[in-house]
Amino acid sequence: MRRWPYSDDDLRAMYAGGRGNATARRFANFWAGAFGTGLFPRRWVTLEVVGRRTGRVVRFPLGMADWQGNWYLVSMLGNDCNWVRNVRAAGGLVTIRRGRGQACHLAEVPVGERAPILKRYLQTVPGARPHVPLDRDAPLAAFEAIAARYPAFRVDISTTTPRA
């Protein structure tokens, strides 16, 4: 079986300082286009949000975690990553694209409720594992200890038309 050509250290280095380098941006552009087609499983989506500085729609490929009947987006890079800052600036108003765009509101989950969502996220989104300092099978108490560093947002489907 052929292994992925990038080690966990390589993947972490692509996001040094919480921002993607040129290679990470190329991967992100590719996957944002691919996930946006809707040909991948439901958990793989493209998040579209208005940029807080430019006012232009920016796209991010993300994996969602399912937990207790809801879908969640989690930031593998923590509070200061670009998509989290844009979502907060946009008041949570975004478009989730899987083929067709769906207007959504992202409701930030309180820190005290994040641990099981973070655990589920690591279990189902393998690309996040190098960026979170826990094993996906760690006890829930370990996730509680890091929950403040990793924002999670519940995806609430809107009844309005998507903006982008």
Protein backbone atom coordinates (compact mmCIF):
# COMPACT_ATOMS: atom_id res chain seq x y z
CA MET A 1 0.00 0.00 0.00
CA ARG A 2 1.37 3.40 -0.94
CA ARG A 3 1.66 5.95 1.85
CA TRP A 4 0.84 9.64 1.62
CA PRO A 5 4.01 11.50 0.58
CA TYR A 6 3.75 14.02 3.45
CA SER A 7 4.56 13.21 7.05
CA ASP A 8 2.64 14.72 9.96
CA ASP A 9 5.57 17.09 10.49
CA ASP A 10 5.39 18.18 6.84
CA LEU A 11 1.65 18.82 7.17
CA ARG A 12 2.11 20.85 10.36
CA ALA A 13 4.88 22.86 8.68
CA MET A 14 2.50 23.77 5.84
CA TYR A 15 0.45 25.70 8.42
CA ALA A 16 3.21 27.25 10.52
CA GLY A 17 1.86 30.26 12.37
CA GLY A 18 -1.75 29.23 11.63
CA ARG A 19 -1.58 30.22 7.95
CA GLY A 20 -1.09 27.96 4.99
CA ASN A 21 2.09 28.22 2.93
CA ALA A 22 2.01 28.11 -0.90
CA THR A 23 1.69 24.31 -0.98
CA ALA A 24 -1.16 24.35 1.55
CA ARG A 25 -2.96 27.04 -0.46
CA ARG A 26 -2.65 24.97 -3.65
CA PHE A 27 -4.08 21.93 -1.86
CA ALA A 28 -6.87 24.08 -0.39
CA ASN A 29 -7.81 25.49 -3.80
CA PHE A 30 -7.89 22.02 -5.31
CA TRP A 31 -9.96 20.49 -2.50
CA ALA A 32 -12.34 23.46 -2.29
CA GLY A 33 -13.18 22.88 -5.94
CA ALA A 34 -13.43 19.12 -5.53
CA PHE A 35 -15.59 19.18 -2.37
CA GLY A 36 -17.82 21.86 -3.87
CA THR A 37 -18.86 19.48 -6.66
CA GLY A 38 -20.86 17.35 -4.24
CA LEU A 39 -19.23 14.13 -5.46
CA PHE A 40 -17.63 13.35 -2.10
CA PRO A 41 -19.35 12.06 1.04
CA ARG A 42 -21.57 14.56 2.84
CA ARG A 43 -18.98 15.47 5.49
CA TRP A 44 -16.62 17.02 2.90
CA VAL A 45 -17.74 20.54 2.01
CA THR A 46 -16.57 23.89 0.74
CA LEU A 47 -17.25 26.76 3.12
CA GLU A 48 -17.86 30.11 1.44
CA VAL A 49 -17.77 33.23 3.57
CA VAL A 50 -17.29 36.93 2.93
CA GLY A 51 -13.72 37.97 3.72
CA ARG A 52 -13.49 40.35 6.66
CA ARG A 53 -10.93 42.56 4.90
CA THR A 54 -11.68 42.27 1.19
CA GLY A 55 -15.45 41.81 1.21
CA ARG A 56 -14.98 39.09 -1.43
CA VAL A 57 -16.21 35.54 -0.99
CA VAL A 58 -13.41 33.20 0.06
CA ARG A 59 -13.59 29.41 -0.04
CA PHE A 60 -12.21 26.82 2.35
CA PRO A 61 -12.35 23.01 2.03
CA LEU A 62 -13.44 21.52 5.33
CA GLY A 63 -14.51 18.25 6.87
CA MET A 64 -17.56 18.23 9.12
CA ALA A 65 -18.15 16.16 12.22
CA ASP A 66 -21.55 14.65 12.88
CA TRP A 67 -22.63 14.57 16.50
CA GLN A 68 -26.05 13.91 18.02
CA GLY A 69 -27.94 14.65 14.82
CA ASN A 70 -26.11 17.87 13.93
CA TRP A 71 -23.15 18.74 11.74
CA TYR A 72 -20.21 20.76 13.03
CA LEU A 73 -17.23 22.56 11.55
CA VAL A 74 -14.10 22.56 13.70
CA SER A 75 -10.93 24.57 13.20
CA MET A 76 -7.89 22.27 13.22
CA LEU A 77 -5.70 25.40 13.39
CA GLY A 78 -7.42 27.02 16.35
CA ASN A 79 -8.99 30.41 16.95
CA ASP A 80 -6.80 32.54 14.72
CA CYS A 81 -7.22 30.77 11.40
CA ASN A 82 -8.65 32.77 8.53
CA TRP A 83 -11.97 30.99 8.08
CA VAL A 84 -12.82 31.26 11.79
CA ARG A 85 -12.05 34.98 11.85
CA ASN A 86 -14.13 35.51 8.69
CA VAL A 87 -17.08 33.52 10.06
CA ARG A 88 -17.05 35.51 13.29
CA ALA A 89 -16.84 38.80 11.35
CA ALA A 90 -19.76 37.69 9.12
CA GLY A 91 -21.92 36.90 12.14
CA GLY A 92 -21.91 33.22 11.21
CA LEU A 93 -23.60 33.77 7.81
CA VAL A 94 -22.00 31.44 5.27
CA THR A 95 -22.70 29.19 2.32
CA ILE A 96 -21.90 25.49 2.46
CA ARG A 97 -21.31 24.11 -1.01
CA ARG A 98 -21.78 20.50 -2.05
CA GLY A 99 -22.86 20.85 -5.64
CA ARG A 100 -25.49 23.46 -4.88
CA GLY A 101 -24.82 26.15 -2.32
CA GLN A 102 -26.84 26.14 0.89
CA ALA A 103 -27.11 29.27 3.01
CA CYS A 104 -26.24 28.44 6.61
CA HIS A 105 -25.64 30.03 9.96
CA LEU A 106 -22.68 28.77 11.97
CA ALA A 107 -23.42 28.93 15.69
CA GLU A 108 -20.28 28.81 17.82
CA VAL A 109 -20.38 26.01 20.38
CA PRO A 110 -19.56 27.05 23.97
CA VAL A 111 -16.19 25.73 25.19
CA GLY A 112 -17.83 23.49 27.80
CA GLU A 113 -19.76 21.60 25.10
CA ARG A 114 -16.94 21.11 22.57
CA ALA A 115 -15.08 18.05 23.88
CA PRO A 116 -17.26 15.29 22.35
CA ILE A 117 -17.47 17.24 19.07
CA LEU A 118 -13.68 17.59 18.93
CA LYS A 119 -13.27 13.89 19.59
CA ARG A 120 -15.75 12.99 16.84
CA TYR A 121 -14.01 15.44 14.51
CA LEU A 122 -10.64 13.71 14.97
CA GLN A 123 -12.28 10.33 14.47
CA THR A 124 -13.81 11.32 11.12
CA VAL A 125 -11.51 13.97 9.60
CA PRO A 126 -8.06 12.40 9.19
CA GLY A 127 -6.42 15.55 7.80
CA ALA A 128 -6.91 17.30 11.13
CA ARG A 129 -5.04 14.73 13.21
CA PRO A 130 -1.51 16.13 12.71
CA HIS A 131 -2.69 19.55 13.92
CA VAL A 132 -4.43 18.55 17.16
CA PRO A 133 -2.17 17.30 19.96
CA LEU A 134 -4.36 14.34 20.93
CA ASP A 135 -5.01 10.88 19.63
CA ARG A 136 -8.52 10.36 18.27
CA ASP A 137 -9.08 7.70 20.94
CA ALA A 138 -7.95 9.89 23.87
CA PRO A 139 -10.36 10.13 26.81
CA LEU A 140 -12.98 12.88 26.73
CA ALA A 141 -11.24 14.65 29.63
CA ALA A 142 -8.21 15.24 27.40
CA PHE A 143 -10.45 16.93 24.81
CA GLU A 144 -12.00 19.07 27.55
CA ALA A 145 -8.52 20.31 28.43
CA ILE A 146 -7.89 21.65 24.89
CA ALA A 147 -11.44 22.67 23.93
CA ALA A 148 -10.85 26.41 24.32
CA ARG A 149 -8.11 26.28 21.66
CA TYR A 150 -10.27 24.70 18.92
CA PRO A 151 -13.49 26.49 17.99
CA ALA A 152 -16.44 24.43 16.83
CA PHE A 153 -19.51 25.70 14.99
CA ARG A 154 -22.88 23.99 14.62
CA VAL A 155 -24.15 24.18 11.03
CA ASP A 156 -27.73 25.48 10.97
CA ILE A 157 -29.35 25.37 7.53
CA SER A 158 -30.99 28.64 6.53
CA THR A 159 -34.22 28.96 4.59
CA THR A 160 -32.89 31.91 2.58
CA THR A 161 -31.03 31.72 -0.72
CA PRO A 162 -27.26 31.36 -0.61
CA ARG A 163 -25.23 34.57 -1.06
CA ALA A 164 -22.45 33.04 -3.09
